Amino acid sequence: MKFPQLDKNPDAPSRANAWACLTTNLVMPGAGSLMGGRRVGFFQLALTFVALAMTVLFGLRFIVWTLQNWSRLQDPVGDPLDTLLELWLAVRWALAGMGLFVAAVMWALTTSLSIMSRAKKHQP
């Protein structure tokens, strides 16, 4: 299988290859950009892996925290604002990881649309 040279491929991708890049970027942001010959795919993949690692690690930490504090979280007598603040402090990094993943998907989507437009311009 021949891979395109990154950023040096003078030929426009076919429409089928451009669609393959788009769908791959929706599944794993950055991989489709690399398939389309874009160096920016390396950074998109790195951002994706960082986001996934943050979400998993801090998400597991949040689950453990929730299980440890379950009875206190369900206390009807406690102050709901204090509980909400503690909940926010426990979940914020997992949500930040999810936000980074959304940012990686959006970045990869814009790259995919650029690849798609290049394929349409050079179509016979």
Protein backbone atom coordinates (compact mmCIF):
# COMPACT_ATOMS: atom_id res chain seq x y z
CA MET A 1 0.00 0.00 0.00
CA LYS A 2 1.38 3.36 -0.99
CA PHE A 3 0.97 6.31 1.38
CA PRO A 4 1.01 9.89 0.10
CA GLN A 5 4.00 12.05 0.85
CA LEU A 6 3.03 14.47 3.56
CA ASP A 7 2.32 17.97 2.21
CA LYS A 8 4.27 17.18 -0.96
CA ASN A 9 1.61 15.36 -2.93
CA PRO A 10 0.88 17.55 -5.96
CA ASP A 11 -2.00 15.34 -7.05
CA ALA A 12 -5.39 16.01 -5.61
CA PRO A 13 -6.99 13.03 -3.90
CA SER A 14 -9.89 11.30 -5.57
CA ARG A 15 -13.34 11.89 -4.16
CA ALA A 16 -13.38 8.37 -2.73
CA ASN A 17 -10.07 8.98 -0.94
CA ALA A 18 -11.30 12.33 0.32
CA TRP A 19 -14.42 10.68 1.75
CA ALA A 20 -12.23 8.02 3.34
CA CYS A 21 -10.15 10.76 4.97
CA LEU A 22 -13.29 12.45 6.27
CA THR A 23 -14.78 9.31 7.81
CA THR A 24 -11.44 8.29 9.28
CA ASN A 25 -11.07 11.72 10.86
CA LEU A 26 -14.49 11.38 12.45
CA VAL A 27 -13.46 8.08 14.04
CA MET A 28 -9.86 8.94 14.97
CA PRO A 29 -9.09 12.64 14.55
CA GLY A 30 -5.77 13.11 12.81
CA ALA A 31 -5.56 9.72 11.11
CA GLY A 32 -7.61 10.88 8.14
CA SER A 33 -5.51 14.02 7.87
CA LEU A 34 -2.41 11.86 7.64
CA MET A 35 -4.13 9.74 4.99
CA GLY A 36 -4.80 12.94 3.07
CA GLY A 37 -1.13 13.86 3.21
CA ARG A 38 -1.39 16.62 5.82
CA ARG A 39 1.33 16.98 8.46
CA VAL A 40 -1.13 18.61 10.82
CA GLY A 41 -2.54 15.13 11.37
CA PHE A 42 0.33 14.35 13.75
CA PHE A 43 -0.72 17.20 16.03
CA GLN A 44 -4.38 16.23 15.73
CA LEU A 45 -3.53 12.66 16.71
CA ALA A 46 -1.45 13.86 19.65
CA LEU A 47 -4.31 16.07 20.83
CA THR A 48 -6.71 13.13 20.44
CA PHE A 49 -4.54 10.81 22.52
CA VAL A 50 -4.05 13.43 25.24
CA ALA A 51 -7.79 14.07 25.33
CA LEU A 52 -8.63 10.37 25.52
CA ALA A 53 -6.06 9.79 28.26
CA MET A 54 -7.38 12.73 30.28
CA THR A 55 -10.97 11.57 29.90
CA VAL A 56 -10.22 7.99 30.92
CA LEU A 57 -7.87 8.75 33.81
CA PHE A 58 -9.83 11.61 35.33
CA GLY A 59 -13.13 9.91 34.54
CA LEU A 60 -12.08 6.83 36.50
CA ARG A 61 -10.90 9.07 39.30
CA PHE A 62 -14.30 10.78 39.29
CA ILE A 63 -16.12 7.44 39.43
CA VAL A 64 -14.04 6.35 42.41
CA TRP A 65 -14.65 9.70 44.13
CA THR A 66 -18.39 9.40 43.50
CA LEU A 67 -18.54 5.90 44.96
CA GLN A 68 -16.57 6.98 48.01
CA ASN A 69 -18.83 9.99 48.61
CA TRP A 70 -22.14 8.47 47.54
CA SER A 71 -23.86 8.69 50.91
CA ARG A 72 -22.75 12.28 51.41
CA LEU A 73 -23.90 13.24 47.91
CA GLN A 74 -27.35 11.78 48.61
CA ASP A 75 -27.70 13.58 51.97
CA PRO A 76 -30.91 15.67 51.88
CA VAL A 77 -29.79 17.78 54.85
CA GLY A 78 -26.46 18.91 53.38
CA ASP A 79 -25.90 22.17 51.55
CA PRO A 80 -26.58 21.57 47.83
CA LEU A 81 -24.22 24.34 46.72
CA ASP A 82 -21.31 22.83 48.64
CA THR A 83 -22.13 19.46 47.15
CA LEU A 84 -22.30 20.96 43.66
CA LEU A 85 -18.94 22.68 44.16
CA GLU A 86 -17.31 19.44 45.28
CA LEU A 87 -18.88 17.62 42.35
CA TRP A 88 -17.55 20.24 39.94
CA LEU A 89 -14.06 20.04 41.41
CA ALA A 90 -14.11 16.26 40.99
CA VAL A 91 -15.40 16.17 37.40
CA ARG A 92 -13.81 19.22 35.76
CA TRP A 93 -10.67 17.53 34.40
CA ALA A 94 -12.65 14.68 32.85
CA LEU A 95 -14.88 17.26 31.17
CA ALA A 96 -11.78 19.15 30.01
CA GLY A 97 -10.57 15.95 28.33
CA MET A 98 -13.93 15.59 26.59
CA GLY A 99 -13.71 19.20 25.45
CA LEU A 100 -10.22 18.63 24.05
CA PHE A 101 -11.52 15.63 22.13
CA VAL A 102 -14.32 17.72 20.65
CA ALA A 103 -11.73 20.34 19.67
CA ALA A 104 -9.62 17.64 17.98
CA VAL A 105 -12.66 16.39 16.07
CA MET A 106 -13.55 19.90 14.91
CA TRP A 107 -9.96 20.59 13.84
CA ALA A 108 -9.82 17.30 11.95
CA LEU A 109 -13.19 18.04 10.37
CA THR A 110 -11.95 21.36 9.00
CA THR A 111 -8.88 19.60 7.60
CA SER A 112 -11.14 16.97 6.04
CA LEU A 113 -13.31 19.63 4.44
CA SER A 114 -10.17 21.20 3.00
CA ILE A 115 -9.16 17.83 1.54
CA MET A 116 -12.69 17.39 0.16
CA SER A 117 -12.65 20.80 -1.52
CA ARG A 118 -9.25 20.08 -3.06
CA ALA A 119 -10.59 16.81 -4.44
CA LYS A 120 -13.66 18.50 -5.93
CA LYS A 121 -11.62 21.26 -7.59
CA HIS A 122 -9.39 18.78 -9.39
CA GLN A 123 -12.08 16.34 -10.37
CA PRO A 124 -12.33 15.57 -14.10
